[in-house]
Amino acid sequence: KGKIVCIAKLKIVCIAKGKLIRIAKGKIVCIAKGKIVCIDKRKTVSIPKGKIVCIAKGKIVCIAKGKIVCIAKGNIVCIATGMIVCIAK
């Protein structure tokens, strides 16, 4: 409940308790409570309060209020409130 995952034409939208993550054409946009974090080909990464975005070895991990989103090798794993959603090619 409260969690929607939509996959359409390479676009992935994950909504979990007011948190929106959109991945399209290599662009990752994370919107959480009016805060926006955009990661696009080694471009500037914005880190708002209480939110940690770590990029290591091609892996992008976004941690926000107990929510963990790990993107590695085209695999997207979203863990929120005990719910696990894995999206693979």
PDB file of N, CA and C in Angstrom:
ATOM      1  N   LYS A   1       0.832  -1.205   0.000  1.00  0.00           N
ATOM      2  CA  LYS A   1       0.000   0.000   0.000  1.00  0.00           C
ATOM      3  C   LYS A   1       0.873   1.263   0.000  1.00  0.00           C
ATOM      4  N   GLY A   2       0.427   2.267  -0.744  1.00  0.00           N
ATOM      5  CA  GLY A   2       1.159   3.527  -0.773  1.00  0.00           C
ATOM      6  C   GLY A   2       2.409   3.472  -1.626  1.00  0.00           C
ATOM      7  N   LYS A   3       2.616   2.305  -2.289  1.00  0.00           N
ATOM      8  CA  LYS A   3       3.814   2.174  -3.102  1.00  0.00           C
ATOM      9  C   LYS A   3       3.445   1.762  -4.528  1.00  0.00           C
ATOM     10  N   ILE A   4       3.876   2.573  -5.482  1.00  0.00           N
ATOM     11  CA  ILE A   4       3.550   2.284  -6.875  1.00  0.00           C
ATOM     12  C   ILE A   4       4.811   2.237  -7.730  1.00  0.00           C
ATOM     13  N   VAL A   5       4.937   1.187  -8.510  1.00  0.00           N
ATOM     14  CA  VAL A   5       6.093   1.078  -9.397  1.00  0.00           C
ATOM     15  C   VAL A   5       5.581   0.941 -10.821  1.00  0.00           C
ATOM     16  N   CYS A   6       5.951   1.890 -11.648  1.00  0.00           N
ATOM     17  CA  CYS A   6       5.479   1.872 -13.030  1.00  0.00           C
ATOM     18  C   CYS A   6       6.647   1.780 -14.010  1.00  0.00           C
ATOM     19  N   ILE A   7       6.579   0.806 -14.915  1.00  0.00           N
ATOM     20  CA  ILE A   7       7.649   0.647 -15.897  1.00  0.00           C
ATOM     21  C   ILE A   7       7.061   0.823 -17.293  1.00  0.00           C
ATOM     22  N   ALA A   8       7.518   1.829 -18.020  1.00  0.00           N
ATOM     23  CA  ALA A   8       7.014   2.064 -19.359  1.00  0.00           C
ATOM     24  C   ALA A   8       8.061   2.715 -20.253  1.00  0.00           C
ATOM     25  N   LYS A   9       8.448   2.026 -21.291  1.00  0.00           N
ATOM     26  CA  LYS A   9       9.416   2.564 -22.249  1.00  0.00           C
ATOM     27  C   LYS A   9      10.676   3.105 -21.575  1.00  0.00           C
ATOM     28  N   LEU A  10      11.395   2.246 -20.864  1.00  0.00           N
ATOM     29  CA  LEU A  10      12.644   2.592 -20.200  1.00  0.00           C
ATOM     30  C   LEU A  10      12.477   3.615 -19.079  1.00  0.00           C
ATOM     31  N   LYS A  11      11.242   4.004 -18.795  1.00  0.00           N
ATOM     32  CA  LYS A  11      11.015   4.974 -17.721  1.00  0.00           C
ATOM     33  C   LYS A  11      10.555   4.230 -16.471  1.00  0.00           C
ATOM     34  N   ILE A  12      11.222   4.471 -15.373  1.00  0.00           N
ATOM     35  CA  ILE A  12      10.868   3.796 -14.135  1.00  0.00           C
ATOM     36  C   ILE A  12      10.484   4.830 -13.080  1.00  0.00           C
ATOM     37  N   VAL A  13       9.275   4.690 -12.567  1.00  0.00           N
ATOM     38  CA  VAL A  13       8.823   5.622 -11.550  1.00  0.00           C
ATOM     39  C   VAL A  13       8.479   4.856 -10.285  1.00  0.00           C
ATOM     40  N   CYS A  14       9.144   5.195  -9.213  1.00  0.00           N
ATOM     41  CA  CYS A  14       8.889   4.517  -7.953  1.00  0.00           C
ATOM     42  C   CYS A  14       8.354   5.517  -6.928  1.00  0.00           C
ATOM     43  N   ILE A  15       7.134   5.256  -6.457  1.00  0.00           N
ATOM     44  CA  ILE A  15       6.541   6.163  -5.484  1.00  0.00           C
ATOM     45  C   ILE A  15       6.353   5.429  -4.156  1.00  0.00           C
ATOM     46  N   ALA A  16       6.989   5.924  -3.115  1.00  0.00           N
ATOM     47  CA  ALA A  16       6.873   5.291  -1.809  1.00  0.00           C
ATOM     48  C   ALA A  16       6.724   6.344  -0.717  1.00  0.00           C
ATOM     49  N   LYS A  17       5.526   6.465  -0.198  1.00  0.00           N
ATOM     50  CA  LYS A  17       5.259   7.423   0.877  1.00  0.00           C
ATOM     51  C   LYS A  17       5.790   8.828   0.578  1.00  0.00           C
ATOM     52  N   GLY A  18       5.292   9.448  -0.484  1.00  0.00           N
ATOM     53  CA  GLY A  18       5.684  10.816  -0.813  1.00  0.00           C
ATOM     54  C   GLY A  18       7.047  10.936  -1.471  1.00  0.00           C
ATOM     55  N   LYS A  19       7.688   9.787  -1.736  1.00  0.00           N
ATOM     56  CA  LYS A  19       9.009   9.840  -2.360  1.00  0.00           C
ATOM     57  C   LYS A  19       8.914   9.376  -3.802  1.00  0.00           C
ATOM     58  N   LEU A  20       9.370  10.226  -4.703  1.00  0.00           N
ATOM     59  CA  LEU A  20       9.294   9.896  -6.120  1.00  0.00           C
ATOM     60  C   LEU A  20      10.680   9.771  -6.746  1.00  0.00           C
ATOM     61  N   ILE A  21      10.896   8.659  -7.444  1.00  0.00           N
ATOM     62  CA  ILE A  21      12.186   8.464  -8.109  1.00  0.00           C
ATOM     63  C   ILE A  21      11.905   8.153  -9.573  1.00  0.00           C
ATOM     64  N   ARG A  22      12.412   9.008 -10.442  1.00  0.00           N
ATOM     65  CA  ARG A  22      12.177   8.798 -11.863  1.00  0.00           C
ATOM     66  C   ARG A  22      13.501   8.578 -12.591  1.00  0.00           C
ATOM     67  N   ILE A  23      13.534   7.511 -13.364  1.00  0.00           N
ATOM     68  CA  ILE A  23      14.759   7.207 -14.097  1.00  0.00           C
ATOM     69  C   ILE A  23      14.426   7.157 -15.585  1.00  0.00           C
ATOM     70  N   ALA A  24      15.005   8.056 -16.350  1.00  0.00           N
ATOM     71  CA  ALA A  24      14.736   8.103 -17.777  1.00  0.00           C
ATOM     72  C   ALA A  24      15.964   8.557 -18.555  1.00  0.00           C
ATOM     73  N   LYS A  25      16.361   7.766 -19.530  1.00  0.00           N
ATOM     74  CA  LYS A  25      17.510   8.114 -20.365  1.00  0.00           C
ATOM     75  C   LYS A  25      18.753   8.421 -19.537  1.00  0.00           C
ATOM     76  N   GLY A  26      19.047   7.559 -18.584  1.00  0.00           N
ATOM     77  CA  GLY A  26      20.255   7.737 -17.784  1.00  0.00           C
ATOM     78  C   GLY A  26      20.188   8.849 -16.759  1.00  0.00           C
ATOM     79  N   LYS A  27      19.025   9.497 -16.680  1.00  0.00           N
ATOM     80  CA  LYS A  27      18.874  10.578 -15.706  1.00  0.00           C
ATOM     81  C   LYS A  27      18.123  10.083 -14.481  1.00  0.00           C
ATOM     82  N   ILE A  28      18.608  10.424 -13.324  1.00  0.00           N
ATOM     83  CA  ILE A  28      17.955  10.002 -12.102  1.00  0.00           C
ATOM     84  C   ILE A  28      17.506  11.239 -11.329  1.00  0.00           C
ATOM     85  N   VAL A  29      16.199  11.328 -11.119  1.00  0.00           N
ATOM     86  CA  VAL A  29      15.672  12.467 -10.383  1.00  0.00           C
ATOM     87  C   VAL A  29      14.911  11.959  -9.169  1.00  0.00           C
ATOM     88  N   CYS A  30      15.335  12.402  -8.015  1.00  0.00           N
ATOM     89  CA  CYS A  30      14.678  11.980  -6.789  1.00  0.00           C
ATOM     90  C   CYS A  30      14.007  13.176  -6.114  1.00  0.00           C
ATOM     91  N   ILE A  31      12.679  13.061  -5.935  1.00  0.00           N
ATOM     92  CA  ILE A  31      11.949  14.153  -5.311  1.00  0.00           C
ATOM     93  C   ILE A  31      11.396  13.687  -3.965  1.00  0.00           C
ATOM     94  N   ALA A  32      11.804  14.341  -2.901  1.00  0.00           N
ATOM     95  CA  ALA A  32      11.335  13.971  -1.574  1.00  0.00           C
ATOM     96  C   ALA A  32      10.993  15.225  -0.767  1.00  0.00           C
ATOM     97  N   LYS A  33       9.719  15.395  -0.483  1.00  0.00           N
ATOM     98  CA  LYS A  33       9.277  16.560   0.288  1.00  0.00           C
ATOM     99  C   LYS A  33       9.804  17.871  -0.293  1.00  0.00           C
ATOM    100  N   GLY A  34       9.596  18.061  -1.590  1.00  0.00           N
ATOM    101  CA  GLY A  34       9.991  19.308  -2.234  1.00  0.00           C
ATOM    102  C   GLY A  34      11.481  19.426  -2.523  1.00  0.00           C
ATOM    103  N   LYS A  35      12.248  18.390  -2.139  1.00  0.00           N
ATOM    104  CA  LYS A  35      13.686  18.422  -2.401  1.00  0.00           C
ATOM    105  C   LYS A  35      13.993  17.610  -3.657  1.00  0.00           C
ATOM    106  N   ILE A  36      14.846  18.183  -4.498  1.00  0.00           N
ATOM    107  CA  ILE A  36      15.166  17.499  -5.748  1.00  0.00           C
ATOM    108  C   ILE A  36      16.659  17.170  -5.862  1.00  0.00           C
ATOM    109  N   VAL A  37      16.937  15.926  -6.190  1.00  0.00           N
ATOM    110  CA  VAL A  37      18.322  15.510  -6.383  1.00  0.00           C
ATOM    111  C   VAL A  37      18.440  14.950  -7.794  1.00  0.00           C
ATOM    112  N   CYS A  38      19.290  15.574  -8.588  1.00  0.00           N
ATOM    113  CA  CYS A  38      19.446  15.123  -9.971  1.00  0.00           C
ATOM    114  C   CYS A  38      20.857  14.626 -10.248  1.00  0.00           C
ATOM    115  N   ILE A  39      20.941  13.391 -10.739  1.00  0.00           N
ATOM    116  CA  ILE A  39      22.252  12.825 -11.053  1.00  0.00           C
ATOM    117  C   ILE A  39      22.270  12.508 -12.550  1.00  0.00           C
ATOM    118  N   ASP A  40      23.135  13.163 -13.286  1.00  0.00           N
ATOM    119  CA  ASP A  40      23.174  12.952 -14.728  1.00  0.00           C
ATOM    120  C   ASP A  40      24.596  12.983 -15.289  1.00  0.00           C
ATOM    121  N   LYS A  41      25.128  11.797 -15.557  1.00  0.00           N
ATOM    122  CA  LYS A  41      26.458  11.679 -16.149  1.00  0.00           C
ATOM    123  C   LYS A  41      27.528  12.502 -15.439  1.00  0.00           C
ATOM    124  N   ARG A  42      27.803  12.166 -14.193  1.00  0.00           N
ATOM    125  CA  ARG A  42      28.836  12.827 -13.408  1.00  0.00           C
ATOM    126  C   ARG A  42      28.614  14.319 -13.191  1.00  0.00           C
ATOM    127  N   LYS A  43      27.381  14.759 -13.309  1.00  0.00           N
ATOM    128  CA  LYS A  43      27.090  16.180 -13.094  1.00  0.00           C
ATOM    129  C   LYS A  43      26.861  16.431 -11.612  1.00  0.00           C
ATOM    130  N   THR A  44      26.609  17.670 -11.270  1.00  0.00           N
ATOM    131  CA  THR A  44      26.430  18.055  -9.871  1.00  0.00           C
ATOM    132  C   THR A  44      25.372  17.225  -9.144  1.00  0.00           C
ATOM    133  N   VAL A  45      25.712  16.823  -7.929  1.00  0.00           N
ATOM    134  CA  VAL A  45      24.777  16.059  -7.110  1.00  0.00           C
ATOM    135  C   VAL A  45      24.411  16.906  -5.897  1.00  0.00           C
ATOM    136  N   SER A  46      23.129  17.106  -5.712  1.00  0.00           N
ATOM    137  CA  SER A  46      22.675  17.916  -4.590  1.00  0.00           C
ATOM    138  C   SER A  46      22.284  17.028  -3.412  1.00  0.00           C
ATOM    139  N   ILE A  47      22.805  17.368  -2.242  1.00  0.00           N
ATOM    140  CA  ILE A  47      22.491  16.586  -1.049  1.00  0.00           C
ATOM    141  C   ILE A  47      21.773  17.453  -0.022  1.00  0.00           C
ATOM    142  N   PRO A  48      20.439  17.276   0.054  1.00  0.00           N
ATOM    143  CA  PRO A  48      19.666  18.061   1.013  1.00  0.00           C
ATOM    144  C   PRO A  48      19.803  17.509   2.429  1.00  0.00           C
ATOM    145  N   LYS A  49      19.287  18.239   3.400  1.00  0.00           N
ATOM    146  CA  LYS A  49      19.400  17.824   4.799  1.00  0.00           C
ATOM    147  C   LYS A  49      18.764  16.452   5.045  1.00  0.00           C
ATOM    148  N   GLY A  50      19.432  15.653   5.852  1.00  0.00           N
ATOM    149  CA  GLY A  50      18.899  14.353   6.221  1.00  0.00           C
ATOM    150  C   GLY A  50      18.885  13.342   5.087  1.00  0.00           C
ATOM    151  N   LYS A  51      19.551  13.701   3.989  1.00  0.00           N
ATOM    152  CA  LYS A  51      19.551  12.789   2.844  1.00  0.00           C
ATOM    153  C   LYS A  51      20.975  12.521   2.376  1.00  0.00           C
ATOM    154  N   ILE A  52      21.270  11.257   2.104  1.00  0.00           N
ATOM    155  CA  ILE A  52      22.630  10.919   1.683  1.00  0.00           C
ATOM    156  C   ILE A  52      22.615  10.253   0.311  1.00  0.00           C
ATOM    157  N   VAL A  53      23.408  10.797  -0.594  1.00  0.00           N
ATOM    158  CA  VAL A  53      23.514  10.210  -1.925  1.00  0.00           C
ATOM    159  C   VAL A  53      24.965   9.811  -2.142  1.00  0.00           C
ATOM    160  N   CYS A  54      25.193   8.530  -2.300  1.00  0.00           N
ATOM    161  CA  CYS A  54      26.561   8.050  -2.480  1.00  0.00           C
ATOM    162  C   CYS A  54      26.757   7.390  -3.837  1.00  0.00           C
ATOM    163  N   ILE A  55      27.790   7.831  -4.552  1.00  0.00           N
ATOM    164  CA  ILE A  55      28.076   7.247  -5.864  1.00  0.00           C
ATOM    165  C   ILE A  55      29.442   6.577  -5.804  1.00  0.00           C
ATOM    166  N   ALA A  56      29.462   5.262  -5.981  1.00  0.00           N
ATOM    167  CA  ALA A  56      30.725   4.535  -5.927  1.00  0.00           C
ATOM    168  C   ALA A  56      30.734   3.378  -6.911  1.00  0.00           C
ATOM    169  N   LYS A  57      31.750   3.342  -7.744  1.00  0.00           N
ATOM    170  CA  LYS A  57      31.888   2.261  -8.717  1.00  0.00           C
ATOM    171  C   LYS A  57      30.626   2.052  -9.546  1.00  0.00           C
ATOM    172  N   GLY A  58      30.057   3.150 -10.026  1.00  0.00           N
ATOM    173  CA  GLY A  58      28.870   3.041 -10.870  1.00  0.00           C
ATOM    174  C   GLY A  58      27.601   2.711 -10.112  1.00  0.00           C
ATOM    175  N   LYS A  59      27.721   2.596  -8.783  1.00  0.00           N
ATOM    176  CA  LYS A  59      26.543   2.295  -7.980  1.00  0.00           C
ATOM    177  C   LYS A  59      26.012   3.572  -7.326  1.00  0.00           C
ATOM    178  N   ILE A  60      24.714   3.755  -7.399  1.00  0.00           N
ATOM    179  CA  ILE A  60      24.122   4.941  -6.803  1.00  0.00           C
ATOM    180  C   ILE A  60      23.213   4.501  -5.658  1.00  0.00           C
ATOM    181  N   VAL A  61      23.516   4.970  -4.469  1.00  0.00           N
ATOM    182  CA  VAL A  61      22.706   4.612  -3.319  1.00  0.00           C
ATOM    183  C   VAL A  61      22.110   5.863  -2.686  1.00  0.00           C
ATOM    184  N   CYS A  62      20.802   5.870  -2.593  1.00  0.00           N
ATOM    185  CA  CYS A  62      20.128   7.023  -1.999  1.00  0.00           C
ATOM    186  C   CYS A  62      19.468   6.597  -0.689  1.00  0.00           C
ATOM    187  N   ILE A  63      19.897   7.214   0.393  1.00  0.00           N
ATOM    188  CA  ILE A  63      19.337   6.868   1.697  1.00  0.00           C
ATOM    189  C   ILE A  63      18.574   8.062   2.262  1.00  0.00           C
ATOM    190  N   ALA A  64      17.282   7.879   2.472  1.00  0.00           N
ATOM    191  CA  ALA A  64      16.474   8.962   3.010  1.00  0.00           C
ATOM    192  C   ALA A  64      15.441   8.423   3.994  1.00  0.00           C
ATOM    193  N   LYS A  65      15.597   8.772   5.247  1.00  0.00           N
ATOM    194  CA  LYS A  65      14.658   8.361   6.283  1.00  0.00           C
ATOM    195  C   LYS A  65      14.380   6.864   6.254  1.00  0.00           C
ATOM    196  N   GLY A  66      15.436   6.062   6.372  1.00  0.00           N
ATOM    197  CA  GLY A  66      15.263   4.617   6.431  1.00  0.00           C
ATOM    198  C   GLY A  66      14.959   3.956   5.097  1.00  0.00           C
ATOM    199  N   LYS A  67      14.887   4.762   4.032  1.00  0.00           N
ATOM    200  CA  LYS A  67      14.612   4.195   2.721  1.00  0.00           C
ATOM    201  C   LYS A  67      15.913   4.043   1.949  1.00  0.00           C
ATOM    202  N   ILE A  68      16.107   2.880   1.359  1.00  0.00           N
ATOM    203  CA  ILE A  68      17.350   2.655   0.623  1.00  0.00           C
ATOM    204  C   ILE A  68      17.050   2.266  -0.824  1.00  0.00           C
ATOM    205  N   VAL A  69      17.650   3.001  -1.740  1.00  0.00           N
ATOM    206  CA  VAL A  69      17.475   2.695  -3.154  1.00  0.00           C
ATOM    207  C   VAL A  69      18.850   2.439  -3.748  1.00  0.00           C
ATOM    208  N   CYS A  70      19.063   1.225  -4.204  1.00  0.00           N
ATOM    209  CA  CYS A  70      20.358   0.868  -4.766  1.00  0.00           C
ATOM    210  C   CYS A  70      20.249   0.572  -6.259  1.00  0.00           C
ATOM    211  N   ILE A  71      21.062   1.265  -7.047  1.00  0.00           N
ATOM    212  CA  ILE A  71      21.045   1.066  -8.488  1.00  0.00           C
ATOM    213  C   ILE A  71      22.409   0.549  -8.923  1.00  0.00           C
ATOM    214  N   ALA A  72      22.438  -0.689  -9.408  1.00  0.00           N
ATOM    215  CA  ALA A  72      23.703  -1.275  -9.821  1.00  0.00           C
ATOM    216  C   ALA A  72      23.514  -2.209 -11.011  1.00  0.00           C
ATOM    217  N   LYS A  73      24.311  -2.007 -12.034  1.00  0.00           N
ATOM    218  CA  LYS A  73      24.248  -2.858 -13.222  1.00  0.00           C
ATOM    219  C   LYS A  73      22.840  -2.964 -13.796  1.00  0.00           C
ATOM    220  N   GLY A  74      22.139  -1.831 -13.855  1.00  0.00           N
ATOM    221  CA  GLY A  74      20.805  -1.832 -14.448  1.00  0.00           C
ATOM    222  C   GLY A  74      19.740  -2.424 -13.536  1.00  0.00           C
ATOM    223  N   ASN A  75      20.146  -2.881 -12.355  1.00  0.00           N
ATOM    224  CA  ASN A  75      19.172  -3.435 -11.416  1.00  0.00           C
ATOM    225  C   ASN A  75      18.783  -2.389 -10.384  1.00  0.00           C
ATOM    226  N   ILE A  76      17.494  -2.276 -10.133  1.00  0.00           N
ATOM    227  CA  ILE A  76      17.035  -1.288  -9.174  1.00  0.00           C
ATOM    228  C   ILE A  76      16.329  -2.001  -8.023  1.00  0.00           C
ATOM    229  N   VAL A  77      16.849  -1.784  -6.828  1.00  0.00           N
ATOM    230  CA  VAL A  77      16.232  -2.400  -5.662  1.00  0.00           C
ATOM    231  C   VAL A  77      15.767  -1.314  -4.700  1.00  0.00           C
ATOM    232  N   CYS A  78      14.478  -1.313  -4.435  1.00  0.00           N
ATOM    233  CA  CYS A  78      13.938  -0.302  -3.544  1.00  0.00           C
ATOM    234  C   CYS A  78      13.455  -0.955  -2.250  1.00  0.00           C
ATOM    235  N   ILE A  79      14.041  -0.539  -1.135  1.00  0.00           N
ATOM    236  CA  ILE A  79      13.655  -1.090   0.154  1.00  0.00           C
ATOM    237  C   ILE A  79      13.014   0.004   0.999  1.00  0.00           C
ATOM    238  N   ALA A  80      11.741  -0.178   1.328  1.00  0.00           N
ATOM    239  CA  ALA A  80      11.044   0.816   2.128  1.00  0.00           C
ATOM    240  C   ALA A  80      10.047   0.153   3.071  1.00  0.00           C
ATOM    241  N   THR A  81      10.188   0.424   4.317  1.00  0.00           N
ATOM    242  CA  THR A  81       9.286  -0.126   5.344  1.00  0.00           C
ATOM    243  C   THR A  81       9.078  -1.627   5.168  1.00  0.00           C
ATOM    244  N   GLY A  82      10.186  -2.353   5.030  1.00  0.00           N
ATOM    245  CA  GLY A  82      10.090  -3.806   4.934  1.00  0.00           C
ATOM    246  C   GLY A  82       9.651  -4.325   3.574  1.00  0.00           C
ATOM    247  N   MET A  83       9.388  -3.408   2.646  1.00  0.00           N
ATOM    248  CA  MET A  83       8.953  -3.833   1.311  1.00  0.00           C
ATOM    249  C   MET A  83      10.140  -3.805   0.355  1.00  0.00           C
ATOM    250  N   ILE A  84      10.291  -4.878  -0.423  1.00  0.00           N
ATOM    251  CA  ILE A  84      11.424  -4.935  -1.355  1.00  0.00           C
ATOM    252  C   ILE A  84      10.914  -5.101  -2.783  1.00  0.00           C
ATOM    253  N   VAL A  85      11.339  -4.192  -3.642  1.00  0.00           N
ATOM    254  CA  VAL A  85      10.944  -4.264  -5.045  1.00  0.00           C
ATOM    255  C   VAL A  85      12.196  -4.292  -5.906  1.00  0.00           C
ATOM    256  N   CYS A  86      12.322  -5.336  -6.702  1.00  0.00           N
ATOM    257  CA  CYS A  86      13.501  -5.449  -7.555  1.00  0.00           C
ATOM    258  C   CYS A  86      13.106  -5.348  -9.022  1.00  0.00           C
ATOM    259  N   ILE A  87      13.711  -4.400  -9.717  1.00  0.00           N
ATOM    260  CA  ILE A  87      13.416  -4.211 -11.140  1.00  0.00           C
ATOM    261  C   ILE A  87      14.674  -4.522 -11.943  1.00  0.00           C
ATOM    262  N   ALA A  88      14.600  -5.566 -12.753  1.00  0.00           N
ATOM    263  CA  ALA A  88      15.758  -5.945 -13.558  1.00  0.00           C
ATOM    264  C   ALA A  88      15.365  -5.989 -15.032  1.00  0.00           C
ATOM    265  N   LYS A  89      16.324  -5.776 -15.908  1.00  0.00           N
ATOM    266  CA  LYS A  89      16.056  -5.755 -17.350  1.00  0.00           C
ATOM    267  C   LYS A  89      15.270  -6.999 -17.779  1.00  0.00           C
TER     268      LYS A  89
END
